[in-house]
Amino acid sequence: MPIELSLSSVTSNTNQYTNNETMNTQTAQETQAQMLRNKMIELQSALFFNDSSSIVKLPTHVISEIEIDEEEQIWFVIPKPVQHIDAFDKEIPAKLDFFKKGMEFFVKVSGTAYIITDREEIEYHPTLTAEMKERMKGERVIAMKVRMQDAELIDNSPKPAKNWFQASRSQLSSWFF
């Protein structure tokens, strides 16, 4: 069953439970966000889709290494396109589909992607690792960050198969009871 998370609508409502404990909605959403973050890091590979309606668009890329900062932005690099970087929009609607063969889930993220051309923004970012900063300095790549707006965890585990006898028996029982 998919778990949907809308990162743009964080509220601070409080719910009362029967055991008189209160749980902050914002805390629950932060817990879901942390779970999604861990799942994305576990999967590590994603397809980057450009949803722009622009004439000159970045092509779809496979991303193999990501980092997620404290503002829930996903940082990665893609190969530099043959066109001049100024031909592309600096702000692009985008999707990321995280997957890994053999895993029983995948994550879909939509948001706004930004082409990072300012080396100082990369160099002085407090939470990016030295390895990611070094990767982003390459001449044959461009640095990207995606500000997440929506994220969805989708369960892809195989459903147990019923034999024909069990299926027909449960169908009959649903008709009569």
Protein backbone atom coordinates (compact mmCIF):
# COMPACT_ATOMS: atom_id res chain seq x y z
CA MET A 1 0.00 0.00 0.00
CA PRO A 2 1.55 3.33 -0.99
CA ILE A 3 2.46 5.82 1.67
CA GLU A 4 1.97 9.36 0.42
CA LEU A 5 3.82 12.28 1.88
CA SER A 6 3.28 15.87 0.92
CA LEU A 7 6.24 17.80 2.21
CA SER A 8 4.66 21.14 1.34
CA SER A 9 1.82 20.88 3.84
CA VAL A 10 3.39 20.41 7.24
CA THR A 11 0.96 21.37 10.00
CA SER A 12 1.21 21.38 13.75
CA ASN A 13 -2.16 19.94 14.74
CA THR A 14 -2.31 17.79 17.84
CA ASN A 15 -4.29 14.55 18.12
CA GLN A 16 -5.51 12.97 21.37
CA TYR A 17 -5.14 9.22 21.77
CA THR A 18 -7.02 6.92 24.17
CA ASN A 19 -4.00 6.51 26.44
CA ASN A 20 -3.90 10.32 26.94
CA GLU A 21 -0.66 10.68 25.00
CA THR A 22 -0.50 13.40 22.42
CA MET A 23 1.26 13.06 19.14
CA ASN A 24 2.20 16.07 17.11
CA THR A 25 1.24 15.76 13.42
CA GLN A 26 4.43 17.51 12.45
CA THR A 27 6.46 14.90 14.35
CA ALA A 28 4.60 12.10 12.54
CA GLN A 29 5.31 13.74 9.19
CA GLU A 30 8.97 14.18 10.10
CA THR A 31 9.10 10.47 10.95
CA GLN A 32 7.57 9.61 7.56
CA ALA A 33 10.01 11.99 5.86
CA GLN A 34 12.94 10.32 7.65
CA MET A 35 11.65 6.88 6.60
CA LEU A 36 11.38 8.00 2.95
CA ARG A 37 14.84 9.55 3.15
CA ASN A 38 16.29 6.26 4.45
CA LYS A 39 14.52 4.30 1.67
CA MET A 40 15.91 6.64 -1.01
CA ILE A 41 19.42 6.32 0.39
CA GLU A 42 18.99 2.52 0.55
CA LEU A 43 17.94 2.40 -3.12
CA GLN A 44 20.60 4.94 -4.25
CA SER A 45 19.75 4.70 -7.96
CA ALA A 46 17.04 6.68 -9.68
CA LEU A 47 15.79 7.84 -13.03
CA PHE A 48 15.79 11.63 -13.38
CA PHE A 49 12.96 12.90 -15.61
CA ASN A 50 12.66 16.48 -16.83
CA ASP A 51 8.96 17.48 -16.82
CA SER A 52 9.57 20.86 -18.43
CA SER A 53 7.65 21.99 -21.49
CA SER A 54 10.70 23.87 -22.71
CA ILE A 55 12.03 23.25 -26.22
CA VAL A 56 15.54 22.47 -24.95
CA LYS A 57 15.27 19.92 -22.13
CA LEU A 58 17.73 17.91 -20.13
CA PRO A 59 17.44 14.27 -21.16
CA THR A 60 16.45 11.47 -18.79
CA HIS A 61 19.42 10.22 -16.77
CA VAL A 62 20.20 7.36 -14.44
CA ILE A 63 21.50 8.69 -11.15
CA SER A 64 23.63 6.36 -9.11
CA GLU A 65 24.76 8.38 -6.09
CA ILE A 66 22.70 10.92 -4.16
CA GLU A 67 22.89 12.93 -0.98
CA ILE A 68 19.97 14.44 0.90
CA ASP A 69 20.56 17.56 2.98
CA GLU A 70 18.76 18.84 6.08
CA GLU A 71 16.29 20.81 3.91
CA GLU A 72 15.17 17.55 2.20
CA GLN A 73 16.89 18.50 -1.07
CA ILE A 74 18.37 15.70 -3.17
CA TRP A 75 21.84 16.45 -4.60
CA PHE A 76 23.43 14.54 -7.48
CA VAL A 77 25.39 14.96 -10.71
CA ILE A 78 24.45 14.21 -14.30
CA PRO A 79 26.64 14.13 -17.42
CA LYS A 80 27.10 17.53 -18.99
CA PRO A 81 24.97 17.85 -22.15
CA VAL A 82 26.48 18.85 -25.48
CA GLN A 83 24.46 22.07 -25.56
CA HIS A 84 25.72 25.08 -23.65
CA ILE A 85 24.42 25.06 -20.09
CA ASP A 86 22.80 28.49 -20.54
CA ALA A 87 20.40 26.96 -23.12
CA PHE A 88 18.56 25.17 -20.30
CA ASP A 89 16.16 26.59 -17.74
CA LYS A 90 17.82 26.86 -14.32
CA GLU A 91 14.59 25.77 -12.58
CA ILE A 92 12.88 22.66 -13.94
CA PRO A 93 9.87 20.62 -12.83
CA ALA A 94 11.24 17.11 -12.38
CA LYS A 95 10.56 13.56 -11.20
CA LEU A 96 12.88 11.00 -9.64
CA ASP A 97 11.98 7.31 -9.62
CA PHE A 98 14.18 5.43 -7.12
CA PHE A 99 14.53 1.71 -7.69
CA LYS A 100 16.84 -1.25 -7.18
CA LYS A 101 16.50 -4.70 -8.66
CA GLY A 102 15.32 -7.25 -6.12
CA MET A 103 13.91 -4.68 -3.68
CA GLU A 104 10.25 -4.95 -2.73
CA PHE A 105 9.58 -1.21 -2.86
CA PHE A 106 10.37 1.89 -4.90
CA VAL A 107 10.05 5.62 -4.27
CA LYS A 108 8.61 8.27 -6.57
CA VAL A 109 9.57 11.90 -5.95
CA SER A 110 8.37 15.02 -7.72
CA GLY A 111 9.64 18.53 -7.22
CA THR A 112 11.70 21.31 -8.70
CA ALA A 113 15.19 20.62 -10.01
CA TYR A 114 17.85 23.31 -10.06
CA ILE A 115 20.99 23.39 -12.18
CA ILE A 116 23.78 24.52 -9.87
CA THR A 117 26.39 26.61 -11.65
CA ASP A 118 27.61 28.59 -8.64
CA ARG A 119 30.69 26.76 -7.30
CA GLU A 120 30.47 28.65 -4.00
CA GLU A 121 27.01 27.23 -3.28
CA ILE A 122 28.51 23.75 -3.58
CA GLU A 123 31.76 24.51 -1.75
CA TYR A 124 30.17 26.18 1.28
CA HIS A 125 27.15 23.87 1.64
CA PRO A 126 27.34 22.63 5.24
CA THR A 127 26.03 19.07 4.85
CA LEU A 128 27.41 17.87 1.51
CA THR A 129 30.26 15.41 1.90
CA ALA A 130 33.70 16.13 0.52
CA GLU A 131 33.23 13.26 -1.96
CA MET A 132 30.03 14.81 -3.37
CA LYS A 133 31.63 18.27 -3.57
CA GLU A 134 34.57 16.77 -5.45
CA ARG A 135 32.24 14.88 -7.80
CA MET A 136 30.35 18.12 -8.55
CA LYS A 137 33.56 19.92 -9.54
CA GLY A 138 34.13 17.64 -12.54
CA GLU A 139 34.33 19.22 -15.98
CA ARG A 140 32.13 16.56 -17.59
CA VAL A 141 29.22 16.78 -15.12
CA ILE A 142 26.72 19.33 -13.87
CA ALA A 143 25.51 19.57 -10.31
CA MET A 144 21.78 19.25 -9.65
CA LYS A 145 19.53 19.54 -6.64
CA VAL A 146 15.86 18.66 -6.42
CA ARG A 147 13.64 20.30 -3.83
CA MET A 148 11.08 17.61 -2.99
CA GLN A 149 7.42 18.56 -3.08
CA ASP A 150 5.80 15.12 -3.06
CA ALA A 151 7.21 11.69 -2.31
CA GLU A 152 5.53 8.30 -2.43
CA LEU A 153 6.75 4.94 -1.16
CA ILE A 154 5.25 2.10 -3.19
CA ASP A 155 5.21 -1.50 -2.02
CA ASN A 156 6.18 -3.80 -4.86
CA SER A 157 6.28 -7.09 -2.97
CA PRO A 158 4.80 -10.09 -4.76
CA LYS A 159 1.31 -11.02 -3.69
CA PRO A 160 0.79 -14.59 -2.46
CA ALA A 161 -0.81 -16.69 -5.17
CA LYS A 162 -3.93 -18.66 -4.37
CA ASN A 163 -4.65 -21.94 -6.05
CA TRP A 164 -7.93 -22.27 -7.94
CA PHE A 165 -9.59 -24.20 -5.10
CA GLN A 166 -8.89 -21.52 -2.47
CA ALA A 167 -9.93 -18.75 -4.86
CA SER A 168 -13.24 -20.41 -5.73
CA ARG A 169 -13.98 -21.24 -2.08
CA SER A 170 -13.40 -17.65 -0.97
CA GLN A 171 -15.50 -16.38 -3.90
CA LEU A 172 -18.38 -18.71 -2.93
CA SER A 173 -18.19 -17.71 0.71
CA SER A 174 -18.28 -14.03 -0.23
CA TRP A 175 -21.46 -14.62 -2.26
CA PHE A 176 -23.32 -16.42 0.54
CA PHE A 177 -22.02 -14.70 3.65
